Amino acid sequence: MANEGTIRIHRSIGGTGAAFRVAFVPYDGEKEDAAGGERSFRELQQVRAFLKMLGLGAEYIKDALRQLTAGRSASVPNVSLSDKAVKSAGFVNLVDLARSNG
């Protein structure tokens, strides 16, 4: 089954934590079991490798990195990720986080 949504990338300026946060925001977010989450990376090359691992095409990756170079964030809409890609990505499920904090 495919998970459709938007990949959002945000670059942090300053601080000592991860420089890049990559989030997958499913379009079907109202579903309780919708896959989504966020990963953090220190280097742009790690972001590039992660997007490639997710199965994004070279043009999508190039466009996302161009957006990051021009500003602090990037957005890749209309992404379709397989369940296997979502699981391999190791996304921290935001629904699970919300439950554990509540």
N, C-alpha and C. Protein backbone atom coordinates (compact mmCIF):
# COMPACT_ATOMS: atom_id res chain seq x y z
N MET A 1 0.84 -1.18 0.00
CA MET A 1 0.00 0.00 0.00
C MET A 1 0.88 1.25 0.00
N ALA A 2 0.50 2.24 -0.74
CA ALA A 2 1.29 3.47 -0.85
C ALA A 2 0.80 4.50 0.15
N ASN A 3 1.73 5.26 0.66
CA ASN A 3 1.45 6.37 1.57
C ASN A 3 1.75 7.64 0.79
N GLU A 4 0.71 8.45 0.55
CA GLU A 4 0.90 9.66 -0.22
C GLU A 4 0.92 10.87 0.70
N GLY A 5 1.79 11.82 0.36
CA GLY A 5 1.88 13.02 1.17
C GLY A 5 2.97 13.94 0.67
N THR A 6 3.45 14.78 1.56
CA THR A 6 4.47 15.77 1.25
C THR A 6 5.69 15.53 2.14
N ILE A 7 6.86 15.64 1.55
CA ILE A 7 8.09 15.60 2.34
C ILE A 7 8.50 17.05 2.55
N ARG A 8 8.71 17.40 3.82
CA ARG A 8 9.14 18.75 4.17
C ARG A 8 10.51 18.67 4.82
N ILE A 9 11.39 19.55 4.40
CA ILE A 9 12.75 19.59 4.94
C ILE A 9 12.99 20.99 5.49
N HIS A 10 13.49 21.04 6.71
CA HIS A 10 13.77 22.33 7.34
C HIS A 10 15.22 22.35 7.81
N ARG A 11 15.91 23.43 7.50
CA ARG A 11 17.30 23.59 7.93
C ARG A 11 17.33 24.54 9.12
N SER A 12 17.95 24.10 10.19
CA SER A 12 18.10 24.93 11.39
C SER A 12 19.37 25.76 11.26
N ILE A 13 19.28 26.98 11.70
CA ILE A 13 20.44 27.86 11.69
C ILE A 13 20.91 27.99 13.14
N GLY A 14 22.19 27.69 13.36
CA GLY A 14 22.73 27.78 14.71
C GLY A 14 22.34 26.57 15.54
N GLY A 15 22.74 26.57 16.78
CA GLY A 15 22.43 25.47 17.68
C GLY A 15 23.41 24.33 17.52
N THR A 16 23.27 23.34 18.38
CA THR A 16 24.20 22.22 18.35
C THR A 16 23.53 20.92 17.90
N GLY A 17 22.23 20.95 17.67
CA GLY A 17 21.51 19.74 17.27
C GLY A 17 21.64 19.48 15.78
N ALA A 18 20.76 18.63 15.29
CA ALA A 18 20.76 18.29 13.88
C ALA A 18 20.44 19.51 13.04
N ALA A 19 21.14 19.64 11.94
CA ALA A 19 20.96 20.81 11.07
C ALA A 19 19.73 20.68 10.18
N PHE A 20 19.32 19.44 9.86
CA PHE A 20 18.21 19.23 8.93
C PHE A 20 17.17 18.30 9.54
N ARG A 21 15.90 18.67 9.41
CA ARG A 21 14.80 17.80 9.82
C ARG A 21 13.99 17.47 8.57
N VAL A 22 13.79 16.18 8.33
CA VAL A 22 13.02 15.71 7.18
C VAL A 22 11.76 15.07 7.72
N ALA A 23 10.61 15.59 7.31
CA ALA A 23 9.32 15.07 7.79
C ALA A 23 8.48 14.59 6.61
N PHE A 24 7.77 13.50 6.85
CA PHE A 24 6.78 13.03 5.87
C PHE A 24 5.42 13.31 6.47
N VAL A 25 4.63 14.10 5.76
CA VAL A 25 3.29 14.47 6.22
C VAL A 25 2.28 13.84 5.28
N PRO A 26 1.62 12.76 5.74
CA PRO A 26 0.67 12.07 4.87
C PRO A 26 -0.57 12.92 4.60
N TYR A 27 -1.12 12.78 3.39
CA TYR A 27 -2.35 13.50 3.06
C TYR A 27 -3.52 12.97 3.86
N ASP A 28 -3.46 11.69 4.22
CA ASP A 28 -4.55 11.06 4.95
C ASP A 28 -4.26 11.11 6.45
N GLY A 29 -3.86 12.28 6.94
CA GLY A 29 -3.45 12.45 8.31
C GLY A 29 -4.54 12.22 9.34
N GLU A 30 -5.81 12.27 8.91
CA GLU A 30 -6.88 12.05 9.87
C GLU A 30 -7.03 10.57 10.22
N LYS A 31 -6.43 9.69 9.41
CA LYS A 31 -6.47 8.27 9.74
C LYS A 31 -5.50 7.99 10.88
N GLU A 32 -5.95 7.23 11.85
CA GLU A 32 -5.15 6.94 13.04
C GLU A 32 -3.85 6.22 12.69
N ASP A 33 -3.89 5.34 11.68
CA ASP A 33 -2.70 4.54 11.36
C ASP A 33 -1.89 5.12 10.21
N ALA A 34 -2.16 6.37 9.85
CA ALA A 34 -1.42 6.99 8.74
C ALA A 34 0.06 7.08 9.11
N ALA A 35 0.91 6.62 8.19
CA ALA A 35 2.35 6.65 8.44
C ALA A 35 2.85 8.07 8.27
N GLY A 36 3.68 8.50 9.14
CA GLY A 36 4.26 9.83 9.05
C GLY A 36 5.38 9.90 10.06
N GLY A 37 6.10 10.96 10.04
CA GLY A 37 7.15 11.08 11.03
C GLY A 37 8.24 12.02 10.60
N GLU A 38 9.32 11.98 11.35
CA GLU A 38 10.41 12.91 11.13
C GLU A 38 11.75 12.25 11.42
N ARG A 39 12.75 12.62 10.64
CA ARG A 39 14.13 12.18 10.86
C ARG A 39 15.02 13.40 10.88
N SER A 40 16.12 13.32 11.59
CA SER A 40 17.06 14.44 11.69
C SER A 40 18.42 14.03 11.16
N PHE A 41 19.08 14.99 10.51
CA PHE A 41 20.40 14.74 9.93
C PHE A 41 21.29 15.95 10.17
N ARG A 42 22.59 15.70 10.24
CA ARG A 42 23.56 16.78 10.46
C ARG A 42 24.07 17.38 9.15
N GLU A 43 24.12 16.58 8.08
CA GLU A 43 24.73 17.04 6.83
C GLU A 43 23.78 16.91 5.65
N LEU A 44 23.95 17.82 4.70
CA LEU A 44 23.12 17.82 3.50
C LEU A 44 23.27 16.52 2.71
N GLN A 45 24.48 15.95 2.69
CA GLN A 45 24.69 14.69 1.97
C GLN A 45 23.86 13.56 2.57
N GLN A 46 23.66 13.60 3.88
CA GLN A 46 22.82 12.59 4.53
C GLN A 46 21.37 12.74 4.10
N VAL A 47 20.92 13.98 3.95
CA VAL A 47 19.56 14.25 3.48
C VAL A 47 19.41 13.70 2.06
N ARG A 48 20.39 13.97 1.21
CA ARG A 48 20.36 13.48 -0.18
C ARG A 48 20.26 11.95 -0.21
N ALA A 49 21.09 11.29 0.58
CA ALA A 49 21.08 9.82 0.62
C ALA A 49 19.75 9.29 1.15
N PHE A 50 19.18 9.97 2.14
CA PHE A 50 17.91 9.55 2.71
C PHE A 50 16.78 9.65 1.68
N LEU A 51 16.74 10.77 0.96
CA LEU A 51 15.71 10.95 -0.07
C LEU A 51 15.84 9.89 -1.16
N LYS A 52 17.07 9.56 -1.50
CA LYS A 52 17.31 8.51 -2.50
C LYS A 52 16.82 7.15 -1.98
N MET A 53 17.09 6.87 -0.70
CA MET A 53 16.65 5.62 -0.10
C MET A 53 15.12 5.52 -0.09
N LEU A 54 14.44 6.66 0.07
CA LEU A 54 12.99 6.67 0.04
C LEU A 54 12.43 6.36 -1.34
N GLY A 55 13.29 6.44 -2.35
CA GLY A 55 12.85 6.14 -3.71
C GLY A 55 12.48 7.36 -4.52
N LEU A 56 12.82 8.55 -4.04
CA LEU A 56 12.55 9.76 -4.82
C LEU A 56 13.46 9.81 -6.03
N GLY A 57 12.93 10.29 -7.13
CA GLY A 57 13.72 10.40 -8.35
C GLY A 57 14.76 11.51 -8.24
N ALA A 58 15.74 11.43 -9.12
CA ALA A 58 16.85 12.38 -9.12
C ALA A 58 16.38 13.83 -9.27
N GLU A 59 15.36 14.06 -10.08
CA GLU A 59 14.87 15.43 -10.28
C GLU A 59 14.21 15.99 -9.02
N TYR A 60 13.46 15.13 -8.31
CA TYR A 60 12.84 15.56 -7.05
C TYR A 60 13.92 15.93 -6.02
N ILE A 61 14.95 15.09 -5.93
CA ILE A 61 16.02 15.32 -4.98
C ILE A 61 16.77 16.61 -5.33
N LYS A 62 17.07 16.77 -6.62
CA LYS A 62 17.78 17.97 -7.07
C LYS A 62 16.97 19.23 -6.76
N ASP A 63 15.66 19.16 -6.97
CA ASP A 63 14.80 20.31 -6.69
C ASP A 63 14.76 20.61 -5.19
N ALA A 64 14.66 19.58 -4.36
CA ALA A 64 14.62 19.78 -2.91
C ALA A 64 15.92 20.42 -2.42
N LEU A 65 17.05 19.95 -2.92
CA LEU A 65 18.34 20.51 -2.51
C LEU A 65 18.51 21.93 -3.01
N ARG A 66 17.98 22.22 -4.19
CA ARG A 66 18.01 23.59 -4.72
C ARG A 66 17.19 24.51 -3.82
N GLN A 67 16.01 24.04 -3.39
CA GLN A 67 15.17 24.84 -2.48
C GLN A 67 15.91 25.11 -1.16
N LEU A 68 16.59 24.08 -0.64
CA LEU A 68 17.34 24.26 0.62
C LEU A 68 18.48 25.24 0.46
N THR A 69 19.13 25.21 -0.68
CA THR A 69 20.24 26.13 -0.94
C THR A 69 19.73 27.57 -1.01
N ALA A 70 18.52 27.75 -1.55
CA ALA A 70 17.96 29.09 -1.70
C ALA A 70 17.35 29.62 -0.40
N GLY A 71 17.00 28.75 0.51
CA GLY A 71 16.34 29.20 1.75
C GLY A 71 16.53 28.19 2.86
N ARG A 72 15.65 28.25 3.86
CA ARG A 72 15.77 27.38 5.03
C ARG A 72 14.89 26.15 4.97
N SER A 73 14.05 26.04 3.94
CA SER A 73 13.17 24.88 3.89
C SER A 73 12.91 24.45 2.46
N ALA A 74 12.41 23.23 2.34
CA ALA A 74 12.06 22.68 1.03
C ALA A 74 10.82 21.82 1.22
N SER A 75 10.06 21.70 0.14
CA SER A 75 8.85 20.90 0.17
C SER A 75 8.76 20.10 -1.12
N VAL A 76 8.49 18.80 -0.98
CA VAL A 76 8.32 17.94 -2.15
C VAL A 76 6.92 17.35 -2.04
N PRO A 77 5.94 17.95 -2.75
CA PRO A 77 4.55 17.46 -2.67
C PRO A 77 4.33 16.24 -3.55
N ASN A 78 3.18 15.60 -3.34
CA ASN A 78 2.73 14.47 -4.17
C ASN A 78 3.72 13.32 -4.20
N VAL A 79 4.26 12.98 -3.03
CA VAL A 79 5.18 11.86 -2.90
C VAL A 79 4.39 10.62 -2.53
N SER A 80 4.72 9.51 -3.15
CA SER A 80 4.09 8.24 -2.83
C SER A 80 5.16 7.29 -2.33
N LEU A 81 5.06 6.91 -1.05
CA LEU A 81 6.05 6.02 -0.43
C LEU A 81 5.39 4.68 -0.13
N SER A 82 6.10 3.62 -0.44
CA SER A 82 5.60 2.29 -0.10
C SER A 82 5.69 2.08 1.41
N ASP A 83 4.92 1.13 1.92
CA ASP A 83 5.01 0.81 3.34
C ASP A 83 6.43 0.39 3.70
N LYS A 84 7.08 -0.33 2.78
CA LYS A 84 8.45 -0.79 3.01
C LYS A 84 9.40 0.41 3.14
N ALA A 85 9.22 1.43 2.27
CA ALA A 85 10.08 2.62 2.32
C ALA A 85 9.87 3.37 3.63
N VAL A 86 8.62 3.47 4.08
CA VAL A 86 8.33 4.18 5.33
C VAL A 86 8.97 3.44 6.50
N LYS A 87 8.86 2.11 6.49
CA LYS A 87 9.45 1.31 7.57
C LYS A 87 10.98 1.40 7.53
N SER A 88 11.56 1.30 6.33
CA SER A 88 13.02 1.40 6.17
C SER A 88 13.53 2.77 6.58
N ALA A 89 12.70 3.79 6.41
CA ALA A 89 13.11 5.16 6.73
C ALA A 89 13.33 5.34 8.22
N GLY A 90 12.70 4.51 9.03
CA GLY A 90 12.85 4.65 10.47
C GLY A 90 12.21 5.92 10.99
N PHE A 91 11.17 6.38 10.32
CA PHE A 91 10.48 7.58 10.78
C PHE A 91 9.95 7.34 12.19
N VAL A 92 10.10 8.32 13.04
CA VAL A 92 9.47 8.28 14.35
C VAL A 92 8.01 8.64 14.10
N ASN A 93 7.11 7.74 14.43
CA ASN A 93 5.70 7.99 14.16
C ASN A 93 5.18 9.08 15.09
N LEU A 94 4.68 10.15 14.51
CA LEU A 94 4.23 11.30 15.29
C LEU A 94 3.02 10.96 16.14
N VAL A 95 2.18 10.04 15.67
CA VAL A 95 1.01 9.62 16.44
C VAL A 95 1.49 8.93 17.72
N ASP A 96 2.47 8.05 17.62
CA ASP A 96 3.01 7.36 18.78
C ASP A 96 3.64 8.35 19.76
N LEU A 97 4.33 9.37 19.24
CA LEU A 97 4.93 10.38 20.11
C LEU A 97 3.86 11.14 20.89
N ALA A 98 2.78 11.49 20.19
CA ALA A 98 1.72 12.24 20.83
C ALA A 98 1.08 11.39 21.95
N ARG A 99 0.92 10.10 21.69
CA ARG A 99 0.33 9.22 22.70
C ARG A 99 1.24 9.09 23.92
N SER A 100 2.55 8.97 23.70
CA SER A 100 3.48 8.76 24.81
C SER A 100 3.65 10.02 25.65
N ASN A 101 3.38 11.19 25.07
CA ASN A 101 3.51 12.44 25.81
C ASN A 101 2.19 12.86 26.48
N GLY A 102 1.11 12.17 26.15
CA GLY A 102 -0.20 12.60 26.64
C GLY A 102 -0.69 11.81 27.72
